N, C-alpha and C. Protein backbone atom coordinates (compact mmCIF):
# COMPACT_ATOMS: atom_id res chain seq x y z
N MET A 1 -46.97 -31.18 45.11
CA MET A 1 -45.99 -30.29 43.97
C MET A 1 -45.90 -31.35 42.51
N ASP A 2 -45.86 -30.47 41.61
CA ASP A 2 -45.83 -31.79 40.36
C ASP A 2 -44.36 -31.31 39.95
N ILE A 3 -44.36 -32.06 38.79
CA ILE A 3 -42.76 -32.29 38.22
C ILE A 3 -42.33 -31.12 37.72
N ASN A 4 -42.98 -29.80 37.14
CA ASN A 4 -42.54 -28.49 36.83
C ASN A 4 -42.38 -27.85 38.23
N GLU A 5 -43.23 -27.80 38.94
CA GLU A 5 -42.60 -27.17 40.46
C GLU A 5 -41.30 -27.74 41.05
N LYS A 6 -41.07 -29.11 41.01
CA LYS A 6 -39.54 -29.72 41.55
C LYS A 6 -38.73 -28.93 40.63
N GLU A 7 -38.66 -29.25 39.22
CA GLU A 7 -37.70 -28.81 38.35
C GLU A 7 -37.40 -27.12 38.80
N MET A 8 -38.75 -26.42 38.85
CA MET A 8 -38.09 -24.90 39.20
C MET A 8 -37.14 -24.85 40.45
N MET A 9 -37.77 -25.46 41.55
CA MET A 9 -36.79 -25.69 42.75
C MET A 9 -35.80 -25.95 42.44
N ASN A 10 -35.19 -27.14 42.00
CA ASN A 10 -33.50 -27.44 41.75
C ASN A 10 -33.23 -26.67 40.67
N THR A 11 -33.40 -25.91 39.71
CA THR A 11 -32.90 -24.87 39.25
C THR A 11 -32.47 -23.35 40.01
N ASP A 12 -33.60 -23.41 40.71
CA ASP A 12 -33.11 -22.26 41.57
C ASP A 12 -32.16 -22.22 42.90
N LYS A 13 -32.10 -23.95 43.09
CA LYS A 13 -30.96 -23.89 44.27
C LYS A 13 -29.86 -24.13 43.50
N ASP A 14 -29.65 -24.27 42.11
CA ASP A 14 -28.77 -24.53 41.37
C ASP A 14 -28.13 -23.46 41.45
N GLU A 15 -29.15 -22.15 41.08
CA GLU A 15 -28.62 -20.97 40.65
C GLU A 15 -27.95 -20.02 41.51
N LYS A 16 -28.45 -20.49 42.90
CA LYS A 16 -28.07 -19.69 44.06
C LYS A 16 -26.77 -20.28 44.20
N LYS A 17 -26.43 -21.60 44.35
CA LYS A 17 -24.85 -22.14 44.58
C LYS A 17 -23.72 -21.55 43.59
N LEU A 18 -24.72 -21.47 42.54
CA LEU A 18 -23.69 -20.87 41.02
C LEU A 18 -23.24 -19.32 41.74
N VAL A 19 -24.26 -18.33 42.17
CA VAL A 19 -24.18 -17.50 42.60
C VAL A 19 -23.21 -16.96 43.74
N ASP A 20 -23.28 -18.50 44.56
CA ASP A 20 -22.50 -18.21 45.77
C ASP A 20 -20.83 -18.84 45.12
N ARG A 21 -20.97 -19.58 44.43
CA ARG A 21 -19.33 -19.11 43.81
C ARG A 21 -18.83 -18.18 43.22
N ILE A 22 -19.30 -18.06 42.25
CA ILE A 22 -19.18 -16.23 41.62
C ILE A 22 -18.82 -15.38 42.55
N CYS A 23 -19.72 -15.27 43.98
CA CYS A 23 -19.22 -14.11 44.24
C CYS A 23 -17.72 -14.86 45.86
N GLY A 24 -17.58 -15.74 45.30
CA GLY A 24 -16.22 -16.45 45.97
C GLY A 24 -15.13 -16.65 45.10
N GLY A 25 -15.42 -15.56 43.92
CA GLY A 25 -14.05 -15.56 42.90
C GLY A 25 -13.98 -16.64 41.97
N ASP A 26 -15.05 -17.49 41.75
CA ASP A 26 -15.16 -18.21 40.69
C ASP A 26 -15.29 -18.21 39.72
N MET A 27 -14.42 -17.68 38.39
CA MET A 27 -14.44 -17.23 37.35
C MET A 27 -15.09 -18.42 36.64
N THR A 28 -14.42 -19.52 36.57
CA THR A 28 -15.25 -20.61 35.84
C THR A 28 -16.72 -20.51 36.19
N SER A 29 -17.43 -20.47 36.84
CA SER A 29 -18.83 -20.53 37.51
C SER A 29 -19.43 -19.14 36.35
N PHE A 30 -18.50 -17.99 36.61
CA PHE A 30 -19.05 -16.85 36.01
C PHE A 30 -19.55 -16.97 34.66
N GLN A 31 -18.22 -17.61 34.04
CA GLN A 31 -18.21 -18.13 32.71
C GLN A 31 -19.50 -19.17 32.21
N GLU A 32 -19.89 -19.80 33.42
CA GLU A 32 -20.88 -21.16 33.01
C GLU A 32 -22.29 -20.02 33.07
N LEU A 33 -22.20 -18.74 34.36
CA LEU A 33 -23.71 -18.40 33.90
C LEU A 33 -23.87 -17.40 32.88
N VAL A 34 -22.67 -17.01 32.22
CA VAL A 34 -22.84 -16.21 30.77
C VAL A 34 -23.20 -17.17 29.92
N GLU A 35 -22.62 -18.30 29.69
CA GLU A 35 -23.21 -19.38 28.82
C GLU A 35 -24.54 -19.89 28.92
N ARG A 36 -25.23 -19.33 30.20
CA ARG A 36 -26.62 -19.94 30.24
C ARG A 36 -27.21 -19.03 29.54
N TYR A 37 -26.79 -17.61 29.76
CA TYR A 37 -27.80 -16.54 29.51
C TYR A 37 -27.72 -15.79 27.81
N LYS A 38 -26.25 -15.96 27.88
CA LYS A 38 -25.79 -14.88 26.67
C LYS A 38 -26.68 -14.82 25.72
N LYS A 39 -27.17 -16.27 25.15
CA LYS A 39 -28.32 -15.95 23.83
C LYS A 39 -29.56 -15.23 24.32
N LYS A 40 -29.95 -15.47 25.55
CA LYS A 40 -31.46 -14.88 25.75
C LYS A 40 -31.24 -13.64 25.76
N VAL A 41 -30.00 -13.01 26.58
CA VAL A 41 -29.83 -11.45 26.59
C VAL A 41 -29.66 -10.86 25.42
N TYR A 42 -28.98 -11.75 24.60
CA TYR A 42 -28.68 -11.07 22.83
C TYR A 42 -29.99 -11.09 22.65
N TYR A 43 -30.99 -12.17 22.29
CA TYR A 43 -32.16 -11.99 21.24
C TYR A 43 -33.37 -10.90 21.93
N LEU A 44 -32.91 -10.79 23.81
CA LEU A 44 -33.92 -9.99 23.82
C LEU A 44 -33.50 -8.17 23.89
N ALA A 45 -32.15 -8.23 24.04
CA ALA A 45 -31.74 -7.04 23.81
C ALA A 45 -32.08 -6.27 22.08
N ASN A 46 -31.24 -7.05 21.36
CA ASN A 46 -31.85 -7.61 19.95
C ASN A 46 -33.41 -6.54 19.17
N ASP A 47 -34.35 -7.44 20.17
CA ASP A 47 -35.62 -6.96 20.34
C ASP A 47 -35.71 -5.62 20.58
N ILE A 48 -35.49 -5.47 21.97
CA ILE A 48 -35.85 -3.99 22.02
C ILE A 48 -35.45 -2.66 21.57
N VAL A 49 -33.98 -3.20 20.79
CA VAL A 49 -33.12 -2.08 20.05
C VAL A 49 -32.93 -2.31 18.78
N GLY A 50 -33.40 -3.44 18.43
CA GLY A 50 -33.93 -3.20 16.85
C GLY A 50 -32.22 -3.38 15.89
N ASP A 51 -31.18 -3.57 16.52
CA ASP A 51 -30.02 -3.17 16.16
C ASP A 51 -28.80 -4.55 16.44
N HIS A 52 -28.39 -5.19 15.85
CA HIS A 52 -27.49 -6.20 16.05
C HIS A 52 -26.08 -5.67 16.47
N HIS A 53 -25.70 -4.73 16.23
CA HIS A 53 -24.51 -4.32 16.72
C HIS A 53 -24.64 -3.66 18.03
N ASP A 54 -25.62 -3.26 18.24
CA ASP A 54 -25.89 -2.48 19.57
C ASP A 54 -26.79 -3.69 20.51
N ALA A 55 -27.27 -4.88 20.26
CA ALA A 55 -27.47 -5.92 21.11
C ALA A 55 -26.36 -6.45 21.51
N GLU A 56 -24.81 -6.84 20.64
CA GLU A 56 -24.16 -7.18 21.19
C GLU A 56 -23.42 -6.42 22.28
N ASP A 57 -23.46 -4.99 22.12
CA ASP A 57 -22.51 -4.28 22.91
C ASP A 57 -23.45 -4.57 24.37
N ILE A 58 -24.46 -4.59 23.92
CA ILE A 58 -25.52 -4.25 25.27
C ILE A 58 -25.41 -5.97 25.79
N SER A 59 -25.25 -6.61 25.35
CA SER A 59 -24.95 -7.96 25.81
C SER A 59 -23.77 -8.07 26.78
N GLN A 60 -22.86 -7.25 26.25
CA GLN A 60 -21.35 -7.37 26.94
C GLN A 60 -21.51 -6.46 28.11
N GLU A 61 -22.18 -5.38 28.02
CA GLU A 61 -22.06 -4.54 29.55
C GLU A 61 -23.49 -4.89 30.21
N VAL A 62 -24.36 -5.94 29.86
CA VAL A 62 -24.82 -6.54 30.94
C VAL A 62 -24.11 -7.47 31.51
N PHE A 63 -23.45 -8.36 31.37
CA PHE A 63 -22.63 -9.30 32.00
C PHE A 63 -21.71 -8.47 32.79
N ILE A 64 -21.11 -7.54 32.16
CA ILE A 64 -20.04 -6.77 32.89
C ILE A 64 -20.81 -6.16 34.02
N LYS A 65 -21.88 -6.20 34.11
CA LYS A 65 -22.92 -5.09 35.44
C LYS A 65 -23.18 -6.33 36.22
N VAL A 66 -23.51 -7.49 35.64
CA VAL A 66 -23.50 -8.68 36.71
C VAL A 66 -22.42 -9.03 37.37
N PHE A 67 -21.43 -9.19 36.74
CA PHE A 67 -20.16 -9.30 37.58
C PHE A 67 -19.65 -8.03 38.75
N ARG A 68 -20.18 -6.94 38.44
CA ARG A 68 -19.79 -5.80 39.24
C ARG A 68 -20.83 -6.07 40.34
N PHE A 69 -22.17 -6.37 40.13
CA PHE A 69 -23.46 -6.05 41.05
C PHE A 69 -23.68 -7.48 41.55
N ILE A 70 -23.08 -8.53 41.29
CA ILE A 70 -23.83 -10.15 41.74
C ILE A 70 -23.81 -10.33 43.28
N LYS A 71 -22.81 -9.06 44.12
CA LYS A 71 -22.87 -9.97 45.45
C LYS A 71 -23.85 -8.94 46.10
N LYS A 72 -24.84 -8.05 45.66
CA LYS A 72 -25.96 -7.27 45.88
C LYS A 72 -26.86 -8.06 45.24
N PHE A 73 -26.95 -9.25 44.61
CA PHE A 73 -28.43 -9.66 44.24
C PHE A 73 -28.97 -10.24 45.41
N ARG A 74 -30.43 -9.60 45.68
CA ARG A 74 -31.01 -10.50 46.17
C ARG A 74 -31.01 -12.22 46.14
N LYS A 75 -30.59 -12.81 47.16
CA LYS A 75 -31.19 -14.35 46.89
C LYS A 75 -32.04 -14.92 46.91
N GLU A 76 -33.15 -14.27 47.50
CA GLU A 76 -34.43 -14.67 47.60
C GLU A 76 -35.57 -14.30 45.80
N ALA A 77 -34.86 -13.96 45.58
CA ALA A 77 -35.40 -13.23 44.09
C ALA A 77 -34.81 -14.44 42.94
N LYS A 78 -35.04 -14.45 41.82
CA LYS A 78 -34.75 -14.77 40.85
C LYS A 78 -33.37 -14.56 40.16
N LEU A 79 -32.49 -15.19 39.29
CA LEU A 79 -31.55 -14.99 38.81
C LEU A 79 -31.36 -14.29 37.65
N SER A 80 -32.69 -15.34 36.84
CA SER A 80 -33.05 -15.02 35.50
C SER A 80 -33.78 -13.45 35.29
N SER A 81 -34.40 -13.50 35.98
CA SER A 81 -35.43 -12.01 36.38
C SER A 81 -34.48 -10.84 36.42
N TRP A 82 -33.51 -11.41 37.44
CA TRP A 82 -32.26 -10.17 37.90
C TRP A 82 -31.73 -9.83 36.48
N ILE A 83 -31.30 -10.92 35.85
CA ILE A 83 -30.37 -10.50 34.54
C ILE A 83 -31.28 -9.69 33.74
N TYR A 84 -32.61 -10.38 33.26
CA TYR A 84 -33.18 -9.61 32.45
C TYR A 84 -33.71 -8.24 32.59
N GLN A 85 -33.80 -8.01 33.85
CA GLN A 85 -33.92 -6.71 34.12
C GLN A 85 -33.12 -5.55 33.93
N ILE A 86 -31.90 -6.16 34.02
CA ILE A 86 -30.34 -5.66 33.55
C ILE A 86 -30.59 -5.30 32.39
N THR A 87 -30.91 -6.13 31.19
CA THR A 87 -30.90 -6.32 29.73
C THR A 87 -31.91 -5.29 29.55
N VAL A 88 -33.20 -5.21 30.15
CA VAL A 88 -34.35 -4.78 29.29
C VAL A 88 -33.68 -3.11 30.24
N ASN A 89 -33.56 -2.99 31.34
CA ASN A 89 -32.73 -1.20 31.56
C ASN A 89 -31.69 -1.00 30.66
N THR A 90 -30.84 -1.92 30.49
CA THR A 90 -29.57 -1.00 29.93
C THR A 90 -30.43 -0.94 28.24
N SER A 91 -30.98 -1.81 27.52
CA SER A 91 -31.53 -1.45 26.33
C SER A 91 -32.45 -0.38 26.29
N ILE A 92 -33.59 -0.13 27.09
CA ILE A 92 -34.06 1.01 27.06
C ILE A 92 -33.01 2.34 27.01
N ASP A 93 -32.11 2.61 27.84
CA ASP A 93 -30.74 3.46 28.18
C ASP A 93 -30.47 3.61 26.70
N VAL A 94 -30.16 2.75 25.89
CA VAL A 94 -29.55 2.53 24.73
C VAL A 94 -30.66 3.17 23.87
N LYS A 95 -31.99 2.39 23.48
CA LYS A 95 -32.97 3.17 22.55
C LYS A 95 -32.97 4.25 23.21
N ARG A 96 -33.20 5.20 23.86
CA ARG A 96 -33.65 6.39 24.74
C ARG A 96 -32.44 7.24 23.71
N LYS A 97 -31.46 6.98 23.66
CA LYS A 97 -30.16 7.50 23.01
C LYS A 97 -29.97 7.86 21.68
N LYS A 98 -30.59 6.61 21.26
CA LYS A 98 -30.59 6.62 19.42
C LYS A 98 -31.94 7.64 18.85
N THR A 99 -31.71 9.11 18.22
CA THR A 99 -32.38 9.36 17.46
C THR A 99 -33.06 9.32 16.28
N LYS A 100 -32.85 8.63 15.59
CA LYS A 100 -33.02 8.23 14.11
C LYS A 100 -34.49 7.04 14.23
N LYS A 101 -35.30 7.94 13.32
CA LYS A 101 -36.71 7.42 13.39
C LYS A 101 -37.31 6.95 11.90
N THR A 102 -37.89 5.95 11.34
CA THR A 102 -37.98 5.86 10.74
C THR A 102 -39.54 5.37 10.46
N HIS A 103 -40.38 6.10 9.47
CA HIS A 103 -42.00 5.60 9.52
C HIS A 103 -42.33 4.87 8.62
N VAL A 104 -42.26 3.45 8.84
CA VAL A 104 -42.90 2.13 8.10
C VAL A 104 -43.98 1.66 8.62
N PHE A 105 -45.16 1.14 8.25
CA PHE A 105 -46.24 0.85 9.32
C PHE A 105 -46.77 -0.39 8.80
N MET A 106 -47.50 -1.45 9.46
CA MET A 106 -47.58 -2.84 9.06
C MET A 106 -49.27 -2.72 9.82
N GLU A 107 -49.83 -3.77 9.28
CA GLU A 107 -51.52 -4.08 9.57
C GLU A 107 -51.25 -4.69 11.09
N GLU A 108 -52.43 -4.70 11.93
CA GLU A 108 -52.22 -5.31 13.18
C GLU A 108 -52.15 -6.81 13.48
N SER A 109 -52.88 -7.53 12.21
CA SER A 109 -52.73 -8.63 12.06
C SER A 109 -51.70 -9.27 11.92
N GLN A 110 -50.52 -8.43 11.46
CA GLN A 110 -49.26 -8.81 11.03
C GLN A 110 -48.30 -8.90 12.47
N MET A 111 -48.78 -8.62 13.74
CA MET A 111 -48.09 -8.74 14.68
C MET A 111 -48.27 -10.04 15.26
N GLU A 112 -48.90 -10.39 14.84
CA GLU A 112 -49.04 -12.37 15.07
C GLU A 112 -48.54 -13.04 13.83
N ARG A 113 -48.49 -12.54 13.00
CA ARG A 113 -47.76 -12.96 11.82
C ARG A 113 -46.21 -13.20 12.21
N ILE A 114 -45.85 -11.79 12.57
CA ILE A 114 -44.31 -11.80 13.00
C ILE A 114 -43.96 -13.08 13.98
N HIS A 115 -44.80 -13.10 15.11
CA HIS A 115 -44.47 -13.73 16.42
C HIS A 115 -44.53 -14.99 15.60
N GLN A 116 -45.21 -15.43 14.77
CA GLN A 116 -45.50 -17.16 14.30
C GLN A 116 -44.24 -17.50 13.85
N ALA A 117 -43.94 -16.21 12.51
CA ALA A 117 -42.66 -16.64 11.68
C ALA A 117 -41.21 -16.77 12.42
N SER A 118 -41.13 -16.01 13.62
CA SER A 118 -39.99 -16.22 14.31
C SER A 118 -39.77 -17.53 15.02
N SER A 119 -41.00 -18.30 15.07
CA SER A 119 -40.78 -19.51 15.85
C SER A 119 -40.83 -20.67 14.15
N LEU A 120 -40.71 -20.08 13.10
CA LEU A 120 -40.79 -21.37 12.16
C LEU A 120 -39.77 -21.96 11.90
N THR A 121 -40.02 -23.49 12.14
CA THR A 121 -38.49 -24.15 12.06
C THR A 121 -38.49 -24.89 11.00
N GLY A 122 -37.40 -25.94 10.73
CA GLY A 122 -37.44 -27.02 9.62
C GLY A 122 -37.36 -26.30 8.52
N ASN A 123 -38.36 -27.24 7.64
CA ASN A 123 -38.25 -26.88 6.21
C ASN A 123 -38.54 -25.27 5.89
N SER A 124 -39.61 -24.89 6.73
CA SER A 124 -40.12 -23.93 6.67
C SER A 124 -39.39 -22.74 6.62
N ILE A 125 -38.10 -22.82 7.64
CA ILE A 125 -37.31 -21.53 7.94
C ILE A 125 -36.10 -21.88 6.80
N ASN A 126 -36.37 -22.97 6.00
CA ASN A 126 -35.35 -22.94 4.85
C ASN A 126 -36.08 -22.74 3.81
N ASN A 127 -37.12 -22.41 3.45
CA ASN A 127 -38.10 -22.43 2.21
C ASN A 127 -38.01 -20.31 1.66
N PRO A 128 -37.50 -20.31 0.73
CA PRO A 128 -36.85 -18.88 0.26
C PRO A 128 -38.41 -17.85 0.21
N GLU A 129 -39.56 -18.71 0.07
CA GLU A 129 -40.57 -17.44 0.35
C GLU A 129 -40.94 -17.20 1.63
N HIS A 130 -40.65 -18.48 2.36
CA HIS A 130 -41.08 -18.08 3.88
C HIS A 130 -40.09 -17.07 4.33
N ARG A 131 -38.77 -17.22 3.92
CA ARG A 131 -37.56 -16.43 4.73
C ARG A 131 -37.64 -14.94 4.19
N THR A 132 -38.16 -14.88 2.89
CA THR A 132 -38.44 -13.54 2.49
C THR A 132 -39.57 -12.55 3.37
N GLU A 133 -40.77 -13.91 3.09
CA GLU A 133 -41.72 -12.92 4.05
C GLU A 133 -41.33 -12.57 5.42
N THR A 134 -40.51 -13.50 5.81
CA THR A 134 -40.23 -13.32 7.17
C THR A 134 -39.29 -12.00 7.67
N ASN A 135 -38.36 -12.04 6.60
CA ASN A 135 -37.76 -10.45 6.86
C ASN A 135 -38.64 -9.47 6.51
N MET A 136 -39.44 -9.42 5.59
CA MET A 136 -40.26 -8.57 4.91
C MET A 136 -41.33 -7.71 6.76
N LEU A 137 -41.94 -9.16 7.09
CA LEU A 137 -42.15 -8.73 8.24
C LEU A 137 -41.61 -8.13 9.45
N GLN A 138 -40.47 -8.56 9.40
CA GLN A 138 -39.81 -8.25 10.60
C GLN A 138 -39.34 -6.66 10.75
N ASN A 139 -38.61 -6.28 9.52
CA ASN A 139 -38.79 -5.03 8.46
C ASN A 139 -39.45 -4.07 9.45
N ARG A 140 -40.78 -4.60 8.81
CA ARG A 140 -41.97 -3.62 8.76
C ARG A 140 -42.11 -3.14 10.47
N VAL A 141 -42.38 -4.35 11.44
CA VAL A 141 -42.57 -4.14 12.62
C VAL A 141 -41.27 -3.13 13.59
N GLU A 142 -40.32 -3.55 13.08
CA GLU A 142 -39.07 -2.83 13.67
C GLU A 142 -39.50 -1.51 13.43
N HIS A 143 -39.51 -0.64 12.39
CA HIS A 143 -39.96 0.17 12.61
C HIS A 143 -40.83 1.12 12.73
N LEU A 144 -42.03 0.25 12.61
CA LEU A 144 -43.25 0.25 13.60
C LEU A 144 -43.21 0.80 14.81
N LEU A 145 -42.30 -0.25 15.74
CA LEU A 145 -42.19 -0.58 17.00
C LEU A 145 -41.45 0.98 17.72
N ASP A 146 -41.26 1.91 16.81
CA ASP A 146 -39.98 2.73 16.80
C ASP A 146 -40.85 4.22 17.55
N LYS A 147 -42.43 3.74 17.22
CA LYS A 147 -43.39 4.58 17.38
C LYS A 147 -43.93 4.43 18.99
N VAL A 148 -43.53 3.64 19.68
CA VAL A 148 -44.05 3.54 20.96
C VAL A 148 -42.85 3.64 21.68
N SER A 149 -42.96 3.94 23.10
CA SER A 149 -42.09 4.16 24.00
C SER A 149 -40.74 3.23 24.45
N PRO A 150 -39.71 3.44 25.05
CA PRO A 150 -38.96 2.11 25.00
C PRO A 150 -39.45 1.19 25.90
N LYS A 151 -40.29 1.71 27.04
CA LYS A 151 -40.71 0.52 28.27
C LYS A 151 -41.48 -0.17 27.46
N GLU A 152 -42.97 0.45 26.79
CA GLU A 152 -43.60 -0.22 26.11
C GLU A 152 -43.51 -0.94 25.14
N ARG A 153 -42.08 -0.80 24.28
CA ARG A 153 -41.52 -1.49 23.35
C ARG A 153 -40.83 -2.89 24.13
N SER A 154 -40.49 -2.67 25.26
CA SER A 154 -40.00 -3.70 25.83
C SER A 154 -41.08 -4.74 26.39
N VAL A 155 -41.83 -4.21 26.99
CA VAL A 155 -42.72 -5.38 27.56
C VAL A 155 -43.63 -5.83 26.20
N PHE A 156 -43.75 -5.14 25.24
CA PHE A 156 -44.11 -5.83 23.61
C PHE A 156 -43.56 -6.84 23.34
N VAL A 157 -42.12 -6.59 22.99
CA VAL A 157 -41.66 -7.57 22.43
C VAL A 157 -40.99 -8.88 23.58
N MET A 158 -40.99 -8.60 24.67
CA MET A 158 -40.96 -9.90 25.87
C MET A 158 -42.17 -10.65 25.94
N ARG A 159 -43.19 -9.93 25.58
CA ARG A 159 -44.23 -10.97 25.47
C ARG A 159 -44.70 -11.65 24.03
N TYR A 160 -44.56 -10.89 23.38
CA TYR A 160 -44.62 -11.60 21.80
C TYR A 160 -43.71 -12.01 20.82
N TYR A 161 -42.44 -11.64 21.19
CA TYR A 161 -41.22 -11.86 20.82
C TYR A 161 -40.36 -13.24 21.54
N ASN A 162 -40.20 -12.93 23.01
CA ASN A 162 -39.53 -13.68 23.43
C ASN A 162 -40.67 -14.66 24.56
N GLU A 163 -41.65 -14.63 24.55
CA GLU A 163 -42.72 -15.49 24.98
C GLU A 163 -42.83 -15.17 26.68
N PHE A 164 -42.34 -14.38 27.25
CA PHE A 164 -42.45 -14.22 28.18
C PHE A 164 -44.05 -13.96 29.22
N LYS A 165 -44.54 -14.72 29.92
CA LYS A 165 -46.05 -14.61 30.48
C LYS A 165 -45.72 -13.20 31.16
N THR A 166 -47.23 -12.62 31.47
CA THR A 166 -47.45 -11.43 31.90
C THR A 166 -46.49 -11.31 33.26
N THR A 167 -46.79 -12.02 33.89
CA THR A 167 -46.35 -12.46 35.38
C THR A 167 -44.47 -12.32 35.46
N GLU A 168 -44.06 -13.34 34.50
CA GLU A 168 -43.19 -12.83 34.66
C GLU A 168 -42.14 -11.45 34.14
N ILE A 169 -42.95 -11.19 33.34
CA ILE A 169 -42.45 -9.85 32.86
C ILE A 169 -42.72 -8.65 34.11
N ALA A 170 -43.84 -8.67 34.71
CA ALA A 170 -43.86 -8.12 36.13
C ALA A 170 -43.21 -8.53 36.82
N GLU A 171 -42.30 -9.67 37.10
CA GLU A 171 -41.41 -10.04 38.22
C GLU A 171 -40.25 -9.10 37.66
N THR A 172 -40.08 -9.24 36.50
CA THR A 172 -38.80 -9.17 35.73
C THR A 172 -38.37 -7.34 35.90
N LEU A 173 -39.20 -6.56 35.57
CA LEU A 173 -39.64 -5.21 35.72
C LEU A 173 -39.99 -5.01 37.05
N ASN A 174 -40.37 -5.31 38.26
CA ASN A 174 -40.67 -5.19 39.27
C ASN A 174 -41.65 -4.03 38.95
N LEU A 175 -43.11 -4.36 38.44
CA LEU A 175 -44.12 -3.83 38.05
C LEU A 175 -45.06 -4.35 38.25
N SER A 176 -46.54 -4.51 38.28
CA SER A 176 -47.76 -5.18 38.91
C SER A 176 -47.88 -5.48 37.64
N THR A 177 -48.73 -6.82 37.71
CA THR A 177 -49.42 -7.29 36.34
C THR A 177 -50.49 -6.33 35.60
N ASN A 178 -50.93 -5.46 36.38
CA ASN A 178 -51.76 -4.80 36.01
C ASN A 178 -51.22 -3.62 35.01
N THR A 179 -50.03 -3.14 35.55
CA THR A 179 -49.08 -1.98 34.63
C THR A 179 -48.84 -2.85 33.63
N ILE A 180 -48.34 -3.97 33.56
CA ILE A 180 -47.76 -4.73 32.27
C ILE A 180 -48.81 -4.62 31.29
N LYS A 181 -50.05 -4.71 31.97
CA LYS A 181 -51.28 -4.97 30.93
C LYS A 181 -51.57 -3.78 30.25
N SER A 182 -51.56 -2.50 30.89
CA SER A 182 -51.51 -1.42 30.77
C SER A 182 -50.41 -0.67 29.60
N LEU A 183 -49.43 -1.23 29.53
CA LEU A 183 -48.26 -0.90 28.96
C LEU A 183 -49.02 -1.40 27.28
N LEU A 184 -49.03 -2.64 27.81
CA LEU A 184 -49.16 -3.83 26.26
C LEU A 184 -50.54 -2.63 25.85
N PHE A 185 -51.39 -2.62 26.27
CA PHE A 185 -52.54 -2.32 25.77
C PHE A 185 -52.15 -0.82 25.09
N ARG A 186 -51.27 0.09 25.60
CA ARG A 186 -51.07 1.63 25.00
C ARG A 186 -49.80 0.96 23.76
N ALA A 187 -49.26 0.18 24.04
CA ALA A 187 -48.39 -0.07 22.85
C ALA A 187 -49.57 -0.49 21.66
N LYS A 188 -50.13 -1.26 21.98
CA LYS A 188 -51.07 -1.83 20.61
C LYS A 188 -52.28 -0.85 20.27
N LYS A 189 -52.38 0.06 20.98
CA LYS A 189 -53.21 1.04 20.80
C LYS A 189 -52.69 2.20 19.92
N LYS A 190 -51.23 2.56 19.98
CA LYS A 190 -50.58 3.22 19.25
C LYS A 190 -50.16 2.72 17.85
N LEU A 191 -50.18 1.26 18.08
CA LEU A 191 -49.62 0.61 17.02
C LEU A 191 -50.95 0.61 16.07
N ARG A 192 -51.93 0.55 16.23
CA ARG A 192 -53.21 0.47 15.34
C ARG A 192 -53.54 2.39 14.65
N LYS A 193 -52.96 3.30 15.88
CA LYS A 193 -53.28 4.64 15.71
C LYS A 193 -52.37 4.86 14.22
N GLU A 194 -51.08 4.28 14.47
CA GLU A 194 -50.35 4.56 13.23
C GLU A 194 -50.34 3.82 12.20
N LEU A 195 -51.65 2.90 12.05
CA LEU A 195 -51.59 1.88 11.07
C LEU A 195 -52.87 2.85 10.37
N SER A 196 -53.90 2.84 10.92
CA SER A 196 -54.78 4.22 10.35
C SER A 196 -53.99 5.25 9.75
N ILE A 197 -53.27 6.08 10.27
CA ILE A 197 -52.82 7.08 9.69
C ILE A 197 -52.03 6.77 8.53
N ASP A 198 -51.07 5.82 8.12
CA ASP A 198 -50.46 5.34 7.42
C ASP A 198 -51.75 4.74 5.91
N GLN A 199 -52.94 3.89 6.52
CA GLN A 199 -53.77 3.89 5.68
C GLN A 199 -54.41 4.86 4.54
N GLY A 200 -54.84 6.11 5.75
CA GLY A 200 -55.09 6.86 5.79
C GLY A 200 -53.99 7.65 4.35
N ASN A 201 -52.93 7.83 4.66
CA ASN A 201 -51.89 8.59 3.24
C ASN A 201 -51.44 7.62 2.47
N ARG A 202 -52.13 6.62 2.27
CA ARG A 202 -52.03 5.74 1.48
C ARG A 202 -53.05 5.93 0.30
N GLN A 203 -54.14 6.32 0.97
CA GLN A 203 -55.63 6.47 0.34
C GLN A 203 -55.65 7.89 -0.18
N THR A 204 -55.68 8.72 0.52
CA THR A 204 -55.04 10.09 -0.26
C THR A 204 -53.89 10.26 -1.40
N ARG A 205 -52.83 9.32 -1.33
CA ARG A 205 -51.48 9.41 -2.20
C ARG A 205 -52.62 8.61 -3.91
N MET A 206 -53.41 7.75 -3.35
CA MET A 206 -53.81 6.67 -4.44
C MET A 206 -55.10 7.61 -5.40
N GLY A 207 -55.82 8.50 -4.49
CA GLY A 207 -56.86 9.57 -5.29
C GLY A 207 -56.28 10.59 -5.80
N GLY A 208 -55.17 11.16 -5.46
CA GLY A 208 -54.54 12.05 -6.08
C GLY A 208 -53.77 11.77 -7.46
N VAL A 209 -53.42 10.10 -7.91
CA VAL A 209 -53.04 9.91 -9.05
C VAL A 209 -53.49 9.78 -10.03
């Protein structure tokens, strides 16, 4: 057993004790759980719904659900996967209720640039040019992702924005890895299709000038 496996086992044991204390009515332990996961829950929700205020509301709802249903949590499962599953499902519900659609497109190569831009640190993130380019890319990808289904968007942002492994996404969503790969493939196929439509429209407009 390597060091990483030992650390994971210790984390799982620690979280199971945390769950036991919360089930016993220890509110301090529940607050500890919130502190551990609030940033990850918020960022994941924000990536799925694409709205800061919705993401804040979803985060609150997620932890309300965690508190309400933690006694039903299966202790052989991973606590993080359960919390992320609640986050994804809640975010998808909110996303489906939103009807506003904006049609802005981006080139496929910019998906990777968005992923890289989101991980910029230090001087790069403080550079006005980098910051402006990052904001532009983020805005374009957000609009383009409105063209895929909520579940496809969820899997896409978990994989490329939040750096979940395919197996982690599968565990979180209770789906097979093949299903996750299929959802990712379909999402990228739709993005490419919308890109080709957008390029065709731009060429038509330029030809008519």
